[in-house]
Amino acid sequence: MADLVRFATAGSVDDGKSTLIGRLLLDSKSLFDDHLETVERVSRERGDDYTDLALLTDGLRAEREQGITIDVAYRYFATPKRKFIVADTPGHVQYTRNMVTGASTADVALILVDARKGVSEQSRRHAFLASLLGVPHLVLLVNKMDLVDWDEGVFDAISEEFAEFASRLRIHDLTFIPVSALHGDNVVDRSANTPWYGGSTLLGHLERLHVSSDRNLVDVRFPVQYVIRPQSSSTVDYRGFAGTVASGVLKPGDRVTVLPSGFESTIAAIDGPTGPVEEAYPPMSVVVRLADEIDVSRGDMICRPQNSATATQDLDAQICWMDERAPLTAGRVYAVKHTTRWARAKVREVAYRVDVNTLHRDAEATQLGLNEIGRVRLRTTSPLFVDAYQDNRATGSFILVDESTNRTVAAGMITGSHGA
């Protein structure tokens, strides 16, 4: 089976993110004829002298009218080597929160920079967010190289400036590629316009990227989503726990412990969508059956006895604030969703706010406004079973929800736990 790779695009408005994805879909032969014909027809009706490939992802009417991406658009395509899920995220600063949504599950972040404009505030903002979200691989695409006459010096200058900024972030793999999304240079096919570039095309890089080792296969974490107890007479003794494997590898016969009770048991069997499986690993959705009749319910977590998640009510976390109605301030109370578990959380302190351009920490800050990022301390009403985000993206992340409006107001990345 081909590997699945998730990647997200990022960058400023008009840097060509939607066009790049359209070019990937077109040149990799991943478009239906009627879909391409529709885009060509709309482009002609608007009077364009070219096929606007951005229309392949800018699906909302407001996006087409304004010529910008507002929501996160997901597209799926495959090559003989791999399957891909693409998240086309907004570039406008107003929609930074949507970029967080699209990149939160990505294996790769593609950051586009207009060759004429160079590294912008949004370029740095999105690189910082990608590192904060733990995206393992980053690719800087210097786009619109055709508009600077394929000048190698422009590409080198932008690459050097971005590399200097990225050296202060937690980025483990950084690649630079000169492209023209509009004309397809170095996207799927190698361009004759860049004889000075010896690297891979974008698709070639994505096809060869090693992503399996990025997943945590050591620490077993299985948040229970649902308890399955069929009522038919033939399955009267069946009792399974459904969920998605967050990390680690589960096998029948493994000894496990259940949080928060601490009771131990042995995995009797694991059932997949088509029947029993010999092992389960992320991101498989399975049903785990235990050998002993112990109390397990939604929100509990199955771990290894000697390698469990930390049960805590006190959290240190990096927060990306997403609510335009009111800022985050100390003393506010929100609902918190962590894996499959819900609780309430009180903001005890805003430790600092981060300037995404300079990475300066403003310790005098007392609140976080829309799209701002900072470190906060929370106290929850019941224990959560957590890991540091850098060790486990699934059990190290959470969202905050405004209980009065049911709006998601923040995404959080756990940096640690602390005393009461």
Protein backbone atom coordinates (compact mmCIF):
# COMPACT_ATOMS: atom_id res chain seq x y z
CA MET A 1 0.00 0.00 0.00
CA ALA A 2 1.27 3.47 -0.89
CA ASP A 3 2.24 5.75 1.98
CA LEU A 4 -0.08 8.59 2.88
CA VAL A 5 1.48 12.05 3.19
CA ARG A 6 -0.40 15.09 4.47
CA PHE A 7 0.90 18.51 3.52
CA ALA A 8 -0.32 22.06 4.02
CA THR A 9 0.39 25.20 2.04
CA ALA A 10 1.11 28.52 3.75
CA GLY A 11 2.30 32.00 2.90
CA SER A 12 1.01 35.51 2.24
CA VAL A 13 -1.99 36.45 0.13
CA ASP A 14 -1.33 36.13 -3.62
CA ASP A 15 1.86 34.13 -3.17
CA GLY A 16 0.28 31.41 -5.32
CA LYS A 17 -0.72 28.65 -2.91
CA SER A 18 -3.98 27.71 -4.64
CA THR A 19 -2.35 27.93 -8.05
CA LEU A 20 0.44 25.63 -6.87
CA ILE A 21 -2.02 22.96 -5.75
CA GLY A 22 -3.95 23.32 -8.99
CA ARG A 23 -0.71 22.80 -10.90
CA LEU A 24 0.12 19.72 -8.81
CA LEU A 25 -3.30 18.24 -9.54
CA LEU A 26 -3.12 19.06 -13.25
CA ASP A 27 0.42 17.93 -14.00
CA SER A 28 0.15 14.76 -11.90
CA LYS A 29 -2.93 13.77 -13.98
CA SER A 30 -5.15 13.87 -10.88
CA LEU A 31 -8.03 15.90 -12.36
CA PHE A 32 -11.26 14.72 -13.95
CA ASP A 33 -11.82 16.12 -17.43
CA ASP A 34 -15.12 17.77 -16.52
CA HIS A 35 -13.49 19.50 -13.53
CA LEU A 36 -10.75 20.95 -15.73
CA GLU A 37 -13.29 21.97 -18.38
CA THR A 38 -15.29 23.87 -15.76
CA VAL A 39 -12.21 25.77 -14.61
CA GLU A 40 -11.28 26.59 -18.21
CA ARG A 41 -14.82 27.82 -18.92
CA VAL A 42 -14.93 30.05 -15.81
CA SER A 43 -11.51 31.48 -16.69
CA ARG A 44 -12.72 32.32 -20.22
CA GLU A 45 -15.91 33.92 -18.91
CA ARG A 46 -13.86 36.17 -16.63
CA GLY A 47 -11.68 37.22 -19.55
CA ASP A 48 -8.50 35.58 -18.26
CA ASP A 49 -5.84 34.83 -20.88
CA TYR A 50 -4.81 31.74 -18.93
CA THR A 51 -6.49 28.88 -17.04
CA ASP A 52 -6.82 30.00 -13.41
CA LEU A 53 -5.76 26.85 -11.59
CA ALA A 54 -6.53 28.48 -8.22
CA LEU A 55 -10.20 27.85 -8.99
CA LEU A 56 -9.56 24.15 -8.37
CA THR A 57 -9.21 24.84 -4.64
CA ASP A 58 -10.90 28.21 -4.05
CA GLY A 59 -14.33 26.67 -3.80
CA LEU A 60 -16.22 29.23 -1.74
CA ARG A 61 -18.08 31.92 -3.66
CA ALA A 62 -16.55 34.61 -1.43
CA GLU A 63 -13.09 33.27 -2.26
CA ARG A 64 -13.74 33.39 -5.99
CA GLU A 65 -15.12 36.92 -5.76
CA GLN A 66 -12.26 38.26 -3.64
CA GLY A 67 -9.52 36.19 -5.23
CA ILE A 68 -8.25 34.95 -1.85
CA THR A 69 -8.52 31.74 0.14
CA ILE A 70 -10.66 32.05 3.28
CA ASP A 71 -11.35 28.52 4.48
CA VAL A 72 -9.09 25.47 4.50
CA ALA A 73 -9.63 23.55 1.25
CA TYR A 74 -8.73 19.86 1.28
CA ARG A 75 -7.86 17.95 -1.87
CA TYR A 76 -6.82 14.36 -2.41
CA PHE A 77 -4.62 12.93 -5.13
CA ALA A 78 -2.29 10.00 -5.69
CA THR A 79 0.71 9.04 -7.76
CA PRO A 80 2.02 5.49 -8.32
CA LYS A 81 4.34 6.07 -5.35
CA ARG A 82 2.14 7.81 -2.77
CA LYS A 83 -1.24 9.12 -1.71
CA PHE A 84 -1.58 12.74 -0.64
CA ILE A 85 -3.99 14.88 1.35
CA VAL A 86 -3.50 18.58 0.66
CA ALA A 87 -4.68 21.40 2.93
CA ASP A 88 -4.76 24.75 1.11
CA THR A 89 -4.73 27.26 3.97
CA PRO A 90 -5.48 31.01 3.91
CA GLY A 91 -2.68 33.53 3.60
CA HIS A 92 -4.43 36.58 5.01
CA VAL A 93 -3.46 37.44 8.59
CA GLN A 94 -7.18 37.49 9.47
CA TYR A 95 -7.32 33.73 8.87
CA THR A 96 -4.14 32.60 10.63
CA ARG A 97 -6.33 30.38 12.83
CA ASN A 98 -7.39 28.46 9.70
CA MET A 99 -3.74 27.88 8.86
CA VAL A 100 -3.30 26.34 12.31
CA THR A 101 -6.20 24.00 11.58
CA GLY A 102 -4.76 22.87 8.25
CA ALA A 103 -1.19 22.39 9.49
CA SER A 104 -2.04 20.67 12.77
CA THR A 105 -2.04 17.19 11.19
CA ALA A 106 0.45 17.85 8.37
CA ASP A 107 3.64 15.90 7.75
CA VAL A 108 4.99 18.69 5.54
CA ALA A 109 4.42 22.45 5.39
CA LEU A 110 4.93 24.21 2.05
CA ILE A 111 5.61 27.91 2.59
CA LEU A 112 5.40 30.01 -0.56
CA VAL A 113 7.27 33.28 -1.02
CA ASP A 114 6.78 35.68 -3.92
CA ALA A 115 10.22 36.05 -5.51
CA ARG A 116 9.54 39.76 -6.13
CA LYS A 117 8.64 40.52 -2.50
CA GLY A 118 10.89 38.17 -0.51
CA VAL A 119 10.28 36.89 3.01
CA SER A 120 7.26 38.64 4.55
CA GLU A 121 5.73 38.87 7.99
CA GLN A 122 3.30 36.10 7.05
CA SER A 123 6.18 33.91 5.85
CA ARG A 124 7.79 34.19 9.26
CA ARG A 125 4.46 33.82 11.05
CA HIS A 126 3.64 30.61 9.20
CA ALA A 127 7.13 29.18 9.69
CA PHE A 128 6.83 29.84 13.41
CA LEU A 129 3.38 28.23 13.49
CA ALA A 130 4.66 25.20 11.58
CA SER A 131 7.48 24.74 14.09
CA LEU A 132 5.09 25.31 17.00
CA LEU A 133 2.73 22.69 15.57
CA GLY A 134 5.58 20.22 15.25
CA VAL A 135 5.38 19.81 11.47
CA PRO A 136 8.45 17.62 10.83
CA HIS A 137 9.33 18.84 7.31
CA LEU A 138 9.33 22.35 5.87
CA VAL A 139 9.72 23.33 2.22
CA LEU A 140 10.23 26.96 1.18
CA LEU A 141 8.98 27.46 -2.37
CA VAL A 142 10.28 30.64 -3.98
CA ASN A 143 7.40 31.16 -6.40
CA LYS A 144 6.97 33.42 -9.45
CA MET A 145 10.63 33.02 -10.39
CA ASP A 146 9.58 33.74 -13.98
CA LEU A 147 8.81 37.32 -12.92
CA VAL A 148 12.42 37.90 -11.79
CA ASP A 149 13.93 36.32 -14.92
CA TRP A 150 14.93 33.16 -13.04
CA ASP A 151 17.61 35.08 -11.18
CA GLU A 152 19.66 32.65 -9.06
CA GLY A 153 20.78 35.53 -6.85
CA VAL A 154 17.18 36.32 -5.88
CA PHE A 155 16.58 32.68 -4.94
CA ASP A 156 19.80 32.51 -2.91
CA ALA A 157 19.07 35.76 -1.05
CA ILE A 158 15.56 34.67 -0.06
CA SER A 159 16.80 31.23 0.96
CA GLU A 160 19.55 32.69 3.14
CA GLU A 161 17.20 35.17 4.85
CA PHE A 162 14.64 32.47 5.59
CA ALA A 163 17.28 29.98 6.77
CA GLU A 164 18.59 32.56 9.26
CA PHE A 165 15.09 33.02 10.71
CA ALA A 166 14.38 29.27 10.71
CA SER A 167 17.60 28.57 12.64
CA ARG A 168 15.87 30.04 15.70
CA LEU A 169 12.92 27.65 15.37
CA ARG A 170 12.50 23.97 16.04
CA ILE A 171 12.73 22.89 12.39
CA HIS A 172 14.56 19.65 11.67
CA ASP A 173 14.25 19.41 7.89
CA LEU A 174 14.25 22.46 5.61
CA THR A 175 14.33 22.40 1.79
CA PHE A 176 14.36 25.25 -0.77
CA ILE A 177 12.89 24.93 -4.28
CA PRO A 178 12.56 27.65 -7.00
CA VAL A 179 9.22 27.32 -8.83
CA SER A 180 6.67 28.96 -11.07
CA ALA A 181 3.29 27.58 -10.05
CA LEU A 182 1.54 29.30 -12.95
CA HIS A 183 3.75 27.70 -15.61
CA GLY A 184 4.62 24.49 -13.75
CA ASP A 185 8.39 24.94 -13.48
CA ASN A 186 9.90 22.52 -10.91
CA VAL A 187 6.46 21.58 -9.57
CA VAL A 188 6.01 18.19 -11.22
CA ASP A 189 8.45 18.51 -14.12
CA ARG A 190 12.00 19.82 -13.94
CA SER A 191 12.45 23.26 -15.48
CA ALA A 192 14.97 24.15 -18.14
CA ASN A 193 14.87 27.71 -16.76
CA THR A 194 16.85 26.74 -13.64
CA PRO A 195 20.02 24.99 -14.83
CA TRP A 196 21.70 26.34 -11.68
CA TYR A 197 19.31 24.38 -9.43
CA GLY A 198 20.40 20.81 -8.73
CA GLY A 199 17.65 19.73 -6.35
CA SER A 200 14.42 17.82 -6.84
CA THR A 201 11.06 18.99 -8.14
CA LEU A 202 8.37 19.53 -5.52
CA LEU A 203 6.49 16.34 -6.35
CA GLY A 204 9.72 14.36 -6.49
CA HIS A 205 10.65 15.66 -3.05
CA LEU A 206 7.21 14.80 -1.61
CA GLU A 207 7.32 11.31 -3.10
CA ARG A 208 10.73 10.51 -1.60
CA LEU A 209 10.24 12.16 1.78
CA HIS A 210 10.55 9.67 4.64
CA VAL A 211 7.62 10.27 6.99
CA SER A 212 7.15 6.91 8.73
CA SER A 213 9.86 7.65 11.28
CA ASP A 214 8.10 10.90 12.25
CA ARG A 215 5.30 8.98 13.94
CA ASN A 216 5.66 7.95 17.58
CA LEU A 217 5.60 4.14 17.58
CA VAL A 218 7.07 3.77 21.08
CA ASP A 219 4.60 5.32 23.53
CA VAL A 220 1.28 3.46 23.39
CA ARG A 221 -1.64 5.89 23.65
CA PHE A 222 -5.17 4.74 22.80
CA PRO A 223 -7.90 7.24 23.78
CA VAL A 224 -11.22 5.44 24.09
CA GLN A 225 -13.89 7.04 21.92
CA TYR A 226 -16.78 4.61 22.31
CA VAL A 227 -17.65 1.39 24.14
CA ILE A 228 -19.15 -1.24 21.83
CA ARG A 229 -21.54 -3.79 23.35
CA PRO A 230 -23.77 -5.36 20.66
CA GLN A 231 -27.16 -6.57 21.87
CA SER A 232 -27.55 -9.59 19.58
CA SER A 233 -27.53 -13.04 21.17
CA SER A 234 -24.55 -14.19 19.11
CA THR A 235 -22.34 -11.42 20.49
CA VAL A 236 -23.65 -11.18 24.03
CA ASP A 237 -20.13 -11.41 25.50
CA TYR A 238 -18.59 -8.89 23.12
CA ARG A 239 -17.23 -5.75 24.80
CA GLY A 240 -14.80 -3.62 22.85
CA PHE A 241 -13.33 -0.15 23.06
CA ALA A 242 -13.28 1.83 19.83
CA GLY A 243 -10.87 4.63 19.00
CA THR A 244 -7.94 5.81 16.92
CA VAL A 245 -4.42 4.81 17.86
CA ALA A 246 -2.67 8.05 18.80
CA SER A 247 0.80 6.51 19.07
CA GLY A 248 2.63 3.26 19.72
CA VAL A 249 1.86 -0.25 18.52
CA LEU A 250 -0.82 -2.48 20.04
CA LYS A 251 -0.84 -6.27 19.70
CA PRO A 252 -2.96 -9.09 21.17
CA GLY A 253 -1.26 -10.38 24.30
CA ASP A 254 0.19 -6.99 25.27
CA ARG A 255 -0.14 -5.94 28.88
CA VAL A 256 -1.89 -2.58 29.23
CA THR A 257 -3.19 -0.21 31.88
CA VAL A 258 -6.28 1.98 31.73
CA LEU A 259 -6.27 5.60 32.89
CA PRO A 260 -7.59 7.02 35.16
CA SER A 261 -8.44 3.84 37.10
CA GLY A 262 -4.97 2.30 36.82
CA PHE A 263 -6.43 -1.18 36.36
CA GLU A 264 -4.31 -3.53 34.25
CA SER A 265 -5.33 -6.17 31.74
CA THR A 266 -4.15 -7.95 28.58
CA ILE A 267 -5.29 -7.24 25.04
CA ALA A 268 -7.41 -10.24 24.02
CA ALA A 269 -8.00 -9.17 20.39
CA ILE A 270 -7.99 -6.16 18.08
CA ASP A 271 -10.69 -5.74 15.45
CA GLY A 272 -10.33 -3.58 12.35
CA PRO A 273 -12.96 -2.55 9.79
CA THR A 274 -12.68 -5.89 7.97
CA GLY A 275 -11.94 -8.23 10.87
CA PRO A 276 -9.24 -9.09 13.41
CA VAL A 277 -5.79 -7.51 13.01
CA GLU A 278 -2.45 -8.64 14.43
CA GLU A 279 -1.30 -5.15 15.31
CA ALA A 280 -2.61 -1.60 15.39
CA TYR A 281 -0.56 1.57 14.91
CA PRO A 282 -1.30 5.26 14.17
CA PRO A 283 -3.54 6.41 12.63
CA MET A 284 -5.57 3.15 12.52
CA SER A 285 -9.12 3.14 13.87
CA VAL A 286 -9.75 -0.14 15.70
CA VAL A 287 -11.69 -1.84 18.49
CA VAL A 288 -9.59 -3.18 21.35
CA ARG A 289 -10.92 -6.08 23.46
CA LEU A 290 -9.45 -6.79 26.90
CA ALA A 291 -9.15 -10.11 28.67
CA ASP A 292 -10.61 -8.78 31.94
CA GLU A 293 -13.94 -7.15 32.73
CA ILE A 294 -12.76 -3.76 33.93
CA ASP A 295 -14.57 -0.44 33.85
CA VAL A 296 -13.57 1.56 30.77
CA SER A 297 -15.52 4.46 29.28
CA ARG A 298 -15.22 7.28 26.74
CA GLY A 299 -12.34 9.62 27.60
CA ASP A 300 -10.25 6.93 29.28
CA MET A 301 -6.85 6.06 27.82
CA ILE A 302 -5.14 2.72 27.29
CA CYS A 303 -1.34 2.81 27.80
CA ARG A 304 1.55 0.57 28.79
CA PRO A 305 1.86 -0.11 32.57
CA GLN A 306 5.43 1.24 32.70
CA ASN A 307 4.94 3.96 30.08
CA SER A 308 1.79 5.90 30.77
CA ALA A 309 0.70 9.41 29.92
CA THR A 310 0.91 12.00 32.69
CA ALA A 311 -2.37 12.50 34.55
CA THR A 312 -2.57 16.16 35.56
CA GLN A 313 -4.93 19.05 36.11
CA ASP A 314 -2.25 21.75 35.71
CA LEU A 315 -0.94 22.58 32.26
CA ASP A 316 1.65 24.84 30.67
CA ALA A 317 0.72 25.39 27.04
CA GLN A 318 1.39 27.47 23.95
CA ILE A 319 -1.91 28.94 22.79
CA CYS A 320 -3.01 30.28 19.41
CA TRP A 321 -6.01 32.48 20.16
CA MET A 322 -8.78 32.27 17.53
CA ASP A 323 -11.66 34.32 18.87
CA GLU A 324 -12.28 37.83 17.53
CA ARG A 325 -15.03 38.57 20.04
CA ALA A 326 -12.97 38.68 23.22
CA PRO A 327 -9.31 38.20 24.17
CA LEU A 328 -7.95 35.46 26.40
CA THR A 329 -7.35 36.78 29.91
CA ALA A 330 -6.55 35.26 33.29
CA GLY A 331 -9.61 34.09 35.22
CA ARG A 332 -11.69 33.07 32.19
CA VAL A 333 -13.15 29.54 32.15
CA TYR A 334 -13.54 27.43 29.02
CA ALA A 335 -14.41 23.89 28.06
CA VAL A 336 -11.32 21.94 27.06
CA LYS A 337 -11.29 18.95 24.69
CA HIS A 338 -8.20 16.76 24.86
CA THR A 339 -8.21 13.57 22.74
CA THR A 340 -11.68 12.14 23.55
CA ARG A 341 -11.94 13.68 27.01
CA TRP A 342 -13.80 16.84 28.01
CA ALA A 343 -13.25 19.01 31.10
CA ARG A 344 -13.44 22.66 32.10
CA ALA A 345 -10.31 24.78 32.35
CA LYS A 346 -9.56 28.07 34.11
CA VAL A 347 -6.86 30.36 32.77
CA ARG A 348 -4.57 30.94 35.75
CA GLU A 349 -1.96 33.09 34.05
CA VAL A 350 -0.83 34.54 30.73
CA ALA A 351 2.94 34.00 31.02
CA TYR A 352 3.95 35.86 27.85
CA ARG A 353 2.99 36.75 24.31
CA VAL A 354 5.26 35.95 21.35
CA ASP A 355 6.13 38.45 18.62
CA VAL A 356 6.14 36.17 15.59
CA ASN A 357 8.46 38.47 13.65
CA THR A 358 11.25 38.76 16.21
CA LEU A 359 10.31 35.76 18.40
CA HIS A 360 10.56 38.16 21.36
CA ARG A 361 8.60 37.09 24.44
CA ASP A 362 6.57 39.92 25.94
CA ALA A 363 6.31 39.00 29.62
CA GLU A 364 4.28 42.16 30.31
CA ALA A 365 1.35 40.92 28.23
CA THR A 366 -1.84 40.21 30.16
CA GLN A 367 -4.00 38.93 27.32
CA LEU A 368 -3.96 37.31 23.88
CA GLY A 369 -5.96 38.79 21.01
CA LEU A 370 -7.10 37.27 17.72
CA ASN A 371 -4.34 35.24 16.00
CA GLU A 372 -1.86 36.01 18.78
CA ILE A 373 0.31 33.28 20.28
CA GLY A 374 1.51 33.00 23.84
CA ARG A 375 2.16 30.77 26.78
CA VAL A 376 -0.52 30.27 29.42
CA ARG A 377 -1.11 28.19 32.52
CA LEU A 378 -4.38 26.32 32.94
CA ARG A 379 -6.12 24.42 35.73
CA THR A 380 -8.67 21.78 34.70
CA THR A 381 -11.60 20.40 36.70
CA SER A 382 -10.57 16.79 36.12
CA PRO A 383 -7.27 15.13 35.14
CA LEU A 384 -6.18 14.97 31.51
CA PHE A 385 -3.77 12.29 30.29
CA VAL A 386 -1.10 14.23 28.48
CA ASP A 387 2.35 14.19 26.92
CA ALA A 388 4.49 17.12 25.84
CA TYR A 389 3.49 18.18 22.33
CA GLN A 390 7.02 17.73 20.98
CA ASP A 391 6.82 14.05 22.03
CA ASN A 392 3.26 13.33 20.93
CA ARG A 393 1.19 15.65 18.76
CA ALA A 394 -2.05 13.75 19.49
CA THR A 395 -1.87 13.68 23.30
CA GLY A 396 -0.01 16.99 23.53
CA SER A 397 -2.72 19.11 21.90
CA PHE A 398 -6.15 20.37 22.87
CA ILE A 399 -8.77 22.96 21.98
CA LEU A 400 -10.60 25.48 24.14
CA VAL A 401 -14.32 26.03 23.55
CA ASP A 402 -16.47 28.97 24.68
CA GLU A 403 -19.31 27.28 26.55
CA SER A 404 -21.78 30.11 25.88
CA THR A 405 -21.39 30.04 22.09
CA ASN A 406 -19.85 26.59 21.47
CA ARG A 407 -17.16 28.32 19.38
CA THR A 408 -13.64 26.93 19.28
CA VAL A 409 -11.58 29.83 20.60
CA ALA A 410 -8.05 28.42 20.90
CA ALA A 411 -5.70 25.64 19.88
CA GLY A 412 -3.20 24.59 22.50
CA MET A 413 0.12 22.72 22.50
CA ILE A 414 1.19 21.34 25.87
CA THR A 415 4.73 22.19 26.92
CA GLY A 416 4.50 20.59 30.37
CA SER A 417 2.55 20.29 33.61
CA HIS A 418 3.07 22.24 36.81
CA GLY A 419 2.03 22.26 40.41
CA ALA A 420 -1.18 23.74 41.73
